[in-house]
Amino acid sequence: MIVIPAVDLRDGCCVQLVGGSFEKEMVRLDDPVSIARKWESEGFRSIHVVDLDAAMRTGSNADVVSSILRSVSCEVQVGGGIRDEGQIEDLLREGAARVVVGTRAIEERGWLEDIATRFPGTIVIAADTKERSVVTRGWTRTSSRNVVDLVEELNDLPLAGVLVTAVHKEGQLQGPDISLMEDVVRASEHPIYSSGGIRGMNDLHSLADEGVAAAIVGMAIYTGTLDSRAAAEEFYI
């Protein structure tokens, strides 16, 4: 398993939210590019960048994303508000290793099949969930669809992976939803990226034991409850 630090963008800043709520912002740092460089310098092999404003259709941090892609040499996967092929092409051309798509990919199966076929091995599906119900539209719309069922439905597509964010755990430093991750790993033929609730090394070991391929960490490294250098050194494959 590898550990991937998150650089979540809002109003041109690097932020961390609690429980997926835009009203509960716990961290705000003014220079996301320097933050990305910091994580690379500490040994992380990949960075997870999300444009929260684009996801909510309230703005765009495309210039910041471009600056990050130009400023680091490690792999960068980018998500947040990506809803057309042109955006995917632009990000890949700028150097993104993977592109994370959520709302439209989940709501429009035909479009998902098209982009997965057109960009094989580069698309990561964001399967955001609250208590196993799939959420979309920047975590504002909750469906009756079970996330494990969604993960199974993706098995026939040439994806880079599936990112399962336990929104009910996000930013709360109370531990990941291990039973959820166990079930989605069992259901998926793709690598599973886990996000939400990670506090420290014990949580990372638990996720690795369940077969998770990558763990996205945010609040824990920004608040220091997780030793970022130790995580980057131990979890790198």
C-alpha atoms as a PDB file:
ATOM      1  CA  MET A   1       0.000   0.000   0.000  1.00  0.00           C
ATOM      2  CA  ILE A   2       1.104   3.564  -0.621  1.00  0.00           C
ATOM      3  CA  VAL A   3       0.106   6.696   1.280  1.00  0.00           C
ATOM      4  CA  ILE A   4      -0.939   9.747  -0.729  1.00  0.00           C
ATOM      5  CA  PRO A   5      -1.258  13.209   0.852  1.00  0.00           C
ATOM      6  CA  ALA A   6      -4.292  15.288  -0.108  1.00  0.00           C
ATOM      7  CA  VAL A   7      -4.085  18.878  -1.278  1.00  0.00           C
ATOM      8  CA  ASP A   8      -7.685  20.101  -1.258  1.00  0.00           C
ATOM      9  CA  LEU A   9      -8.165  23.484  -2.941  1.00  0.00           C
ATOM     10  CA  ARG A  10     -10.643  26.190  -1.981  1.00  0.00           C
ATOM     11  CA  ASP A  11     -10.415  29.903  -2.818  1.00  0.00           C
ATOM     12  CA  GLY A  12      -6.837  29.353  -3.952  1.00  0.00           C
ATOM     13  CA  CYS A  13      -5.854  27.869  -0.576  1.00  0.00           C
ATOM     14  CA  CYS A  14      -5.117  24.382   0.730  1.00  0.00           C
ATOM     15  CA  VAL A  15      -7.878  23.380   3.152  1.00  0.00           C
ATOM     16  CA  GLN A  16      -9.215  20.487   5.184  1.00  0.00           C
ATOM     17  CA  LEU A  17     -12.914  19.992   5.922  1.00  0.00           C
ATOM     18  CA  VAL A  18     -14.645  18.013   8.665  1.00  0.00           C
ATOM     19  CA  GLY A  19     -17.321  15.503   7.731  1.00  0.00           C
ATOM     20  CA  GLY A  20     -17.555  16.792   4.177  1.00  0.00           C
ATOM     21  CA  SER A  21     -19.056  20.083   5.409  1.00  0.00           C
ATOM     22  CA  PHE A  22     -17.932  23.274   3.710  1.00  0.00           C
ATOM     23  CA  GLU A  23     -18.989  25.116   6.866  1.00  0.00           C
ATOM     24  CA  LYS A  24     -16.489  23.135   8.962  1.00  0.00           C
ATOM     25  CA  GLU A  25     -13.117  24.124   7.607  1.00  0.00           C
ATOM     26  CA  MET A  26     -10.349  23.184  10.059  1.00  0.00           C
ATOM     27  CA  VAL A  27      -7.202  23.930   8.057  1.00  0.00           C
ATOM     28  CA  ARG A  28      -6.427  26.776   5.633  1.00  0.00           C
ATOM     29  CA  LEU A  29      -2.955  27.339   4.186  1.00  0.00           C
ATOM     30  CA  ASP A  30      -2.237  30.086   1.688  1.00  0.00           C
ATOM     31  CA  ASP A  31       0.277  28.396  -0.636  1.00  0.00           C
ATOM     32  CA  PRO A  32      -0.893  25.031  -2.010  1.00  0.00           C
ATOM     33  CA  VAL A  33       2.065  24.782  -4.379  1.00  0.00           C
ATOM     34  CA  SER A  34       4.542  24.937  -1.504  1.00  0.00           C
ATOM     35  CA  ILE A  35       2.466  22.349   0.366  1.00  0.00           C
ATOM     36  CA  ALA A  36       2.657  19.984  -2.617  1.00  0.00           C
ATOM     37  CA  ARG A  37       6.409  20.508  -2.793  1.00  0.00           C
ATOM     38  CA  LYS A  38       6.674  19.809   0.929  1.00  0.00           C
ATOM     39  CA  TRP A  39       4.928  16.462   0.601  1.00  0.00           C
ATOM     40  CA  GLU A  40       7.153  15.511  -2.313  1.00  0.00           C
ATOM     41  CA  SER A  41      10.264  16.502  -0.347  1.00  0.00           C
ATOM     42  CA  GLU A  42       9.162  14.282   2.523  1.00  0.00           C
ATOM     43  CA  GLY A  43       9.219  11.255   0.255  1.00  0.00           C
ATOM     44  CA  PHE A  44       5.662  10.807  -0.980  1.00  0.00           C
ATOM     45  CA  ARG A  45       5.515   9.288  -4.464  1.00  0.00           C
ATOM     46  CA  SER A  46       2.072  10.641  -5.314  1.00  0.00           C
ATOM     47  CA  ILE A  47      -0.159  13.605  -4.404  1.00  0.00           C
ATOM     48  CA  HIS A  48      -3.953  13.814  -4.510  1.00  0.00           C
ATOM     49  CA  VAL A  49      -5.240  17.234  -5.618  1.00  0.00           C
ATOM     50  CA  VAL A  50      -8.938  18.124  -5.452  1.00  0.00           C
ATOM     51  CA  ASP A  51     -10.574  21.352  -6.637  1.00  0.00           C
ATOM     52  CA  LEU A  52     -13.405  21.723  -4.126  1.00  0.00           C
ATOM     53  CA  ASP A  53     -14.739  24.905  -5.728  1.00  0.00           C
ATOM     54  CA  ALA A  54     -15.074  23.172  -9.092  1.00  0.00           C
ATOM     55  CA  ALA A  55     -16.769  20.216  -7.430  1.00  0.00           C
ATOM     56  CA  MET A  56     -19.358  22.591  -5.954  1.00  0.00           C
ATOM     57  CA  ARG A  57     -19.598  24.687  -9.140  1.00  0.00           C
ATOM     58  CA  THR A  58     -18.707  27.789  -7.132  1.00  0.00           C
ATOM     59  CA  GLY A  59     -15.415  28.570  -8.833  1.00  0.00           C
ATOM     60  CA  SER A  60     -12.198  27.081 -10.137  1.00  0.00           C
ATOM     61  CA  ASN A  61      -8.646  26.524  -8.950  1.00  0.00           C
ATOM     62  CA  ALA A  62      -7.422  25.371 -12.352  1.00  0.00           C
ATOM     63  CA  ASP A  63      -4.470  27.766 -12.254  1.00  0.00           C
ATOM     64  CA  VAL A  64      -3.342  26.356  -8.908  1.00  0.00           C
ATOM     65  CA  VAL A  65      -3.696  22.796 -10.213  1.00  0.00           C
ATOM     66  CA  SER A  66      -1.561  23.693 -13.231  1.00  0.00           C
ATOM     67  CA  SER A  67       1.064  25.269 -10.981  1.00  0.00           C
ATOM     68  CA  ILE A  68       1.241  22.145  -8.838  1.00  0.00           C
ATOM     69  CA  LEU A  69       1.616  19.921 -11.891  1.00  0.00           C
ATOM     70  CA  ARG A  70       4.502  22.093 -13.102  1.00  0.00           C
ATOM     71  CA  SER A  71       6.160  22.305  -9.691  1.00  0.00           C
ATOM     72  CA  VAL A  72       6.513  18.663  -8.621  1.00  0.00           C
ATOM     73  CA  SER A  73       7.999  15.621 -10.296  1.00  0.00           C
ATOM     74  CA  CYS A  74       6.069  12.964  -8.362  1.00  0.00           C
ATOM     75  CA  GLU A  75       2.790  11.554  -9.638  1.00  0.00           C
ATOM     76  CA  VAL A  76      -0.252  13.779  -9.217  1.00  0.00           C
ATOM     77  CA  GLN A  77      -3.848  12.637  -9.480  1.00  0.00           C
ATOM     78  CA  VAL A  78      -6.416  15.401  -9.916  1.00  0.00           C
ATOM     79  CA  GLY A  79     -10.145  15.521  -9.239  1.00  0.00           C
ATOM     80  CA  GLY A  80     -12.977  17.880  -8.453  1.00  0.00           C
ATOM     81  CA  GLY A  81     -15.693  18.990 -10.858  1.00  0.00           C
ATOM     82  CA  ILE A  82     -14.361  17.104 -13.883  1.00  0.00           C
ATOM     83  CA  ARG A  83     -17.320  16.534 -16.152  1.00  0.00           C
ATOM     84  CA  ASP A  84     -16.081  16.438 -19.762  1.00  0.00           C
ATOM     85  CA  GLU A  85     -13.451  14.819 -21.930  1.00  0.00           C
ATOM     86  CA  GLY A  86     -11.717  18.120 -22.647  1.00  0.00           C
ATOM     87  CA  GLN A  87     -10.889  18.599 -18.976  1.00  0.00           C
ATOM     88  CA  ILE A  88      -9.455  15.092 -18.790  1.00  0.00           C
ATOM     89  CA  GLU A  89      -7.336  15.649 -21.896  1.00  0.00           C
ATOM     90  CA  ASP A  90      -6.040  18.974 -20.569  1.00  0.00           C
ATOM     91  CA  LEU A  91      -5.037  17.496 -17.211  1.00  0.00           C
ATOM     92  CA  LEU A  92      -3.271  14.532 -18.765  1.00  0.00           C
ATOM     93  CA  ARG A  93      -1.466  16.833 -21.196  1.00  0.00           C
ATOM     94  CA  GLU A  94      -0.342  19.014 -18.283  1.00  0.00           C
ATOM     95  CA  GLY A  95       1.157  16.007 -16.573  1.00  0.00           C
ATOM     96  CA  ALA A  96      -1.512  14.485 -14.319  1.00  0.00           C
ATOM     97  CA  ALA A  97      -0.899  10.774 -13.815  1.00  0.00           C
ATOM     98  CA  ARG A  98      -4.544   9.997 -13.095  1.00  0.00           C
ATOM     99  CA  VAL A  99      -7.833  11.882 -13.253  1.00  0.00           C
ATOM    100  CA  VAL A 100     -10.499  11.392 -10.604  1.00  0.00           C
ATOM    101  CA  VAL A 101     -14.107  11.657 -11.763  1.00  0.00           C
ATOM    102  CA  GLY A 102     -17.220  11.375  -9.647  1.00  0.00           C
ATOM    103  CA  THR A 103     -20.662  12.814 -10.176  1.00  0.00           C
ATOM    104  CA  ARG A 104     -21.116  12.543 -13.931  1.00  0.00           C
ATOM    105  CA  ALA A 105     -19.331   9.195 -14.119  1.00  0.00           C
ATOM    106  CA  ILE A 106     -21.655   7.749 -11.493  1.00  0.00           C
ATOM    107  CA  GLU A 107     -24.836   9.301 -12.862  1.00  0.00           C
ATOM    108  CA  GLU A 108     -24.134   8.649 -16.578  1.00  0.00           C
ATOM    109  CA  ARG A 109     -22.900   5.117 -17.226  1.00  0.00           C
ATOM    110  CA  GLY A 110     -22.552   5.741 -20.962  1.00  0.00           C
ATOM    111  CA  TRP A 111     -20.206   8.664 -20.428  1.00  0.00           C
ATOM    112  CA  LEU A 112     -18.174   6.656 -17.939  1.00  0.00           C
ATOM    113  CA  GLU A 113     -17.770   3.810 -20.403  1.00  0.00           C
ATOM    114  CA  ASP A 114     -16.647   6.283 -23.077  1.00  0.00           C
ATOM    115  CA  ILE A 115     -13.953   7.954 -20.987  1.00  0.00           C
ATOM    116  CA  ALA A 116     -12.726   4.685 -19.464  1.00  0.00           C
ATOM    117  CA  THR A 117     -12.250   3.277 -22.965  1.00  0.00           C
ATOM    118  CA  ARG A 118     -10.731   6.480 -24.327  1.00  0.00           C
ATOM    119  CA  PHE A 119      -8.318   6.931 -21.404  1.00  0.00           C
ATOM    120  CA  PRO A 120      -7.619   3.386 -20.194  1.00  0.00           C
ATOM    121  CA  GLY A 121      -5.679   3.011 -16.972  1.00  0.00           C
ATOM    122  CA  THR A 122      -5.863   6.700 -16.058  1.00  0.00           C
ATOM    123  CA  ILE A 123      -9.392   7.199 -14.673  1.00  0.00           C
ATOM    124  CA  VAL A 124     -10.109   6.830 -10.961  1.00  0.00           C
ATOM    125  CA  ILE A 125     -13.774   6.743  -9.942  1.00  0.00           C
ATOM    126  CA  ALA A 126     -14.637   8.718  -6.817  1.00  0.00           C
ATOM    127  CA  ALA A 127     -17.172   6.570  -4.977  1.00  0.00           C
ATOM    128  CA  ASP A 128     -18.005   8.919  -2.109  1.00  0.00           C
ATOM    129  CA  THR A 129     -20.246   7.441   0.551  1.00  0.00           C
ATOM    130  CA  LYS A 130     -22.063   8.310   3.756  1.00  0.00           C
ATOM    131  CA  GLU A 131     -22.880   5.192   5.765  1.00  0.00           C
ATOM    132  CA  ARG A 132     -22.603   3.156   2.514  1.00  0.00           C
ATOM    133  CA  SER A 133     -25.007   5.350   0.525  1.00  0.00           C
ATOM    134  CA  VAL A 134     -23.388   6.899  -2.547  1.00  0.00           C
ATOM    135  CA  VAL A 135     -23.178  10.712  -2.447  1.00  0.00           C
ATOM    136  CA  THR A 136     -22.542  13.026  -5.390  1.00  0.00           C
ATOM    137  CA  ARG A 137     -22.634  16.747  -6.304  1.00  0.00           C
ATOM    138  CA  GLY A 138     -19.883  17.691  -3.865  1.00  0.00           C
ATOM    139  CA  TRP A 139     -21.341  15.439  -1.144  1.00  0.00           C
ATOM    140  CA  THR A 140     -24.664  17.307  -1.235  1.00  0.00           C
ATOM    141  CA  ARG A 141     -26.823  14.603  -2.874  1.00  0.00           C
ATOM    142  CA  THR A 142     -27.335  11.261  -1.141  1.00  0.00           C
ATOM    143  CA  SER A 143     -28.762   8.358  -3.131  1.00  0.00           C
ATOM    144  CA  SER A 144     -30.197   5.001  -2.113  1.00  0.00           C
ATOM    145  CA  ARG A 145     -27.430   3.271  -4.060  1.00  0.00           C
ATOM    146  CA  ASN A 146     -25.076   1.110  -1.998  1.00  0.00           C
ATOM    147  CA  VAL A 147     -21.412   1.866  -2.575  1.00  0.00           C
ATOM    148  CA  VAL A 148     -20.448  -1.828  -2.601  1.00  0.00           C
ATOM    149  CA  ASP A 149     -22.914  -2.436  -5.429  1.00  0.00           C
ATOM    150  CA  LEU A 150     -21.424   0.516  -7.323  1.00  0.00           C
ATOM    151  CA  VAL A 151     -17.911  -0.846  -6.904  1.00  0.00           C
ATOM    152  CA  GLU A 152     -18.985  -4.218  -8.313  1.00  0.00           C
ATOM    153  CA  GLU A 153     -20.586  -2.512 -11.329  1.00  0.00           C
ATOM    154  CA  LEU A 154     -17.236  -0.935 -12.234  1.00  0.00           C
ATOM    155  CA  ASN A 155     -15.320  -4.193 -12.539  1.00  0.00           C
ATOM    156  CA  ASP A 156     -15.688  -4.500 -16.304  1.00  0.00           C
ATOM    157  CA  LEU A 157     -14.109  -1.093 -17.048  1.00  0.00           C
ATOM    158  CA  PRO A 158     -10.366  -0.377 -17.664  1.00  0.00           C
ATOM    159  CA  LEU A 159      -9.968   1.941 -14.671  1.00  0.00           C
ATOM    160  CA  ALA A 160      -6.869   2.955 -12.715  1.00  0.00           C
ATOM    161  CA  GLY A 161      -8.752   2.442  -9.469  1.00  0.00           C
ATOM    162  CA  VAL A 162     -11.722   3.317  -7.292  1.00  0.00           C
ATOM    163  CA  LEU A 163     -11.438   5.956  -4.573  1.00  0.00           C
ATOM    164  CA  VAL A 164     -13.839   5.236  -1.725  1.00  0.00           C
ATOM    165  CA  THR A 165     -14.176   8.229   0.587  1.00  0.00           C
ATOM    166  CA  ALA A 166     -16.061   7.574   3.818  1.00  0.00           C
ATOM    167  CA  VAL A 167     -17.485  11.091   4.065  1.00  0.00           C
ATOM    168  CA  HIS A 168     -18.966  10.321   7.481  1.00  0.00           C
ATOM    169  CA  LYS A 169     -15.376   9.844   8.698  1.00  0.00           C
ATOM    170  CA  GLU A 170     -13.729  12.630   6.723  1.00  0.00           C
ATOM    171  CA  GLY A 171     -11.540  14.995   8.727  1.00  0.00           C
ATOM    172  CA  GLN A 172     -12.654  13.690  12.117  1.00  0.00           C
ATOM    173  CA  LEU A 173      -9.547  11.709  13.103  1.00  0.00           C
ATOM    174  CA  GLN A 174     -11.703   8.925  14.555  1.00  0.00           C
ATOM    175  CA  GLY A 175     -10.385   6.078  12.443  1.00  0.00           C
ATOM    176  CA  PRO A 176     -11.347   4.784   8.984  1.00  0.00           C
ATOM    177  CA  ASP A 177     -14.398   2.656   8.248  1.00  0.00           C
ATOM    178  CA  ILE A 178     -12.524  -0.638   8.189  1.00  0.00           C
ATOM    179  CA  SER A 179     -15.569  -2.871   7.618  1.00  0.00           C
ATOM    180  CA  LEU A 180     -16.541  -0.754   4.612  1.00  0.00           C
ATOM    181  CA  MET A 181     -13.065  -0.981   3.132  1.00  0.00           C
ATOM    182  CA  GLU A 182     -12.997  -4.735   3.705  1.00  0.00           C
ATOM    183  CA  ASP A 183     -16.220  -5.095   1.728  1.00  0.00           C
ATOM    184  CA  VAL A 184     -15.228  -2.833  -1.173  1.00  0.00           C
ATOM    185  CA  VAL A 185     -11.840  -4.497  -1.540  1.00  0.00           C
ATOM    186  CA  ARG A 186     -13.575  -7.860  -1.704  1.00  0.00           C
ATOM    187  CA  ALA A 187     -16.069  -6.543  -4.276  1.00  0.00           C
ATOM    188  CA  SER A 188     -13.581  -4.779  -6.556  1.00  0.00           C
ATOM    189  CA  GLU A 189     -11.246  -6.058  -9.224  1.00  0.00           C
ATOM    190  CA  HIS A 190      -9.580  -2.630  -9.295  1.00  0.00           C
ATOM    191  CA  PRO A 191      -7.148  -1.101  -6.789  1.00  0.00           C
ATOM    192  CA  ILE A 192      -9.055   0.544  -3.943  1.00  0.00           C
ATOM    193  CA  TYR A 193      -7.988   3.960  -2.688  1.00  0.00           C
ATOM    194  CA  SER A 194      -9.279   4.645   0.821  1.00  0.00           C
ATOM    195  CA  SER A 195     -10.008   8.074   2.294  1.00  0.00           C
ATOM    196  CA  GLY A 196     -11.586   9.326   5.494  1.00  0.00           C
ATOM    197  CA  GLY A 197     -10.810   9.146   9.202  1.00  0.00           C
ATOM    198  CA  ILE A 198      -7.150   8.106   9.175  1.00  0.00           C
ATOM    199  CA  ARG A 199      -5.402   9.108  12.411  1.00  0.00           C
ATOM    200  CA  GLY A 200      -2.016   7.427  12.488  1.00  0.00           C
ATOM    201  CA  MET A 201       0.158   4.485  11.566  1.00  0.00           C
ATOM    202  CA  ASN A 202      -2.106   1.885  13.175  1.00  0.00           C
ATOM    203  CA  ASP A 203      -4.938   2.899  10.870  1.00  0.00           C
ATOM    204  CA  LEU A 204      -2.649   2.623   7.874  1.00  0.00           C
ATOM    205  CA  HIS A 205      -1.592  -0.873   8.930  1.00  0.00           C
ATOM    206  CA  SER A 206      -5.244  -1.865   9.320  1.00  0.00           C
ATOM    207  CA  LEU A 207      -6.085  -0.634   5.814  1.00  0.00           C
ATOM    208  CA  ALA A 208      -3.056  -2.397   4.345  1.00  0.00           C
ATOM    209  CA  ASP A 209      -4.121  -5.611   6.050  1.00  0.00           C
ATOM    210  CA  GLU A 210      -7.516  -5.345   4.306  1.00  0.00           C
ATOM    211  CA  GLY A 211      -5.851  -5.130   0.897  1.00  0.00           C
ATOM    212  CA  VAL A 212      -6.300  -1.408   0.274  1.00  0.00           C
ATOM    213  CA  ALA A 213      -3.917  -0.268  -2.477  1.00  0.00           C
ATOM    214  CA  ALA A 214      -3.564   3.375  -1.428  1.00  0.00           C
ATOM    215  CA  ALA A 215      -4.613   5.540   1.495  1.00  0.00           C
ATOM    216  CA  ILE A 216      -5.364   9.230   1.010  1.00  0.00           C
ATOM    217  CA  VAL A 217      -4.403  11.202   4.111  1.00  0.00           C
ATOM    218  CA  GLY A 218      -5.377  14.766   4.908  1.00  0.00           C
ATOM    219  CA  MET A 219      -6.260  16.032   8.356  1.00  0.00           C
ATOM    220  CA  ALA A 220      -3.829  13.647  10.066  1.00  0.00           C
ATOM    221  CA  ILE A 221      -0.743  15.043   8.328  1.00  0.00           C
ATOM    222  CA  TYR A 222      -1.909  18.649   8.523  1.00  0.00           C
ATOM    223  CA  THR A 223      -2.475  18.421  12.278  1.00  0.00           C
ATOM    224  CA  GLY A 224       0.515  16.197  13.001  1.00  0.00           C
ATOM    225  CA  THR A 225      -1.318  13.175  14.405  1.00  0.00           C
ATOM    226  CA  LEU A 226       0.380  11.164  11.656  1.00  0.00           C
ATOM    227  CA  ASP A 227       4.140  11.400  11.142  1.00  0.00           C
ATOM    228  CA  SER A 228       4.229  12.207   7.439  1.00  0.00           C
ATOM    229  CA  ARG A 229       7.855  11.209   6.900  1.00  0.00           C
ATOM    230  CA  ALA A 230       7.365   7.885   8.646  1.00  0.00           C
ATOM    231  CA  ALA A 231       4.238   7.166   6.591  1.00  0.00           C
ATOM    232  CA  ALA A 232       5.977   8.039   3.329  1.00  0.00           C
ATOM    233  CA  GLU A 233       8.945   5.853   4.217  1.00  0.00           C
ATOM    234  CA  GLU A 234       6.992   2.787   5.316  1.00  0.00           C
ATOM    235  CA  PHE A 235       4.103   2.829   2.838  1.00  0.00           C
ATOM    236  CA  TYR A 236       5.614   3.311  -0.600  1.00  0.00           C
ATOM    237  CA  ILE A 237       4.636   0.220  -2.652  1.00  0.00           C
END
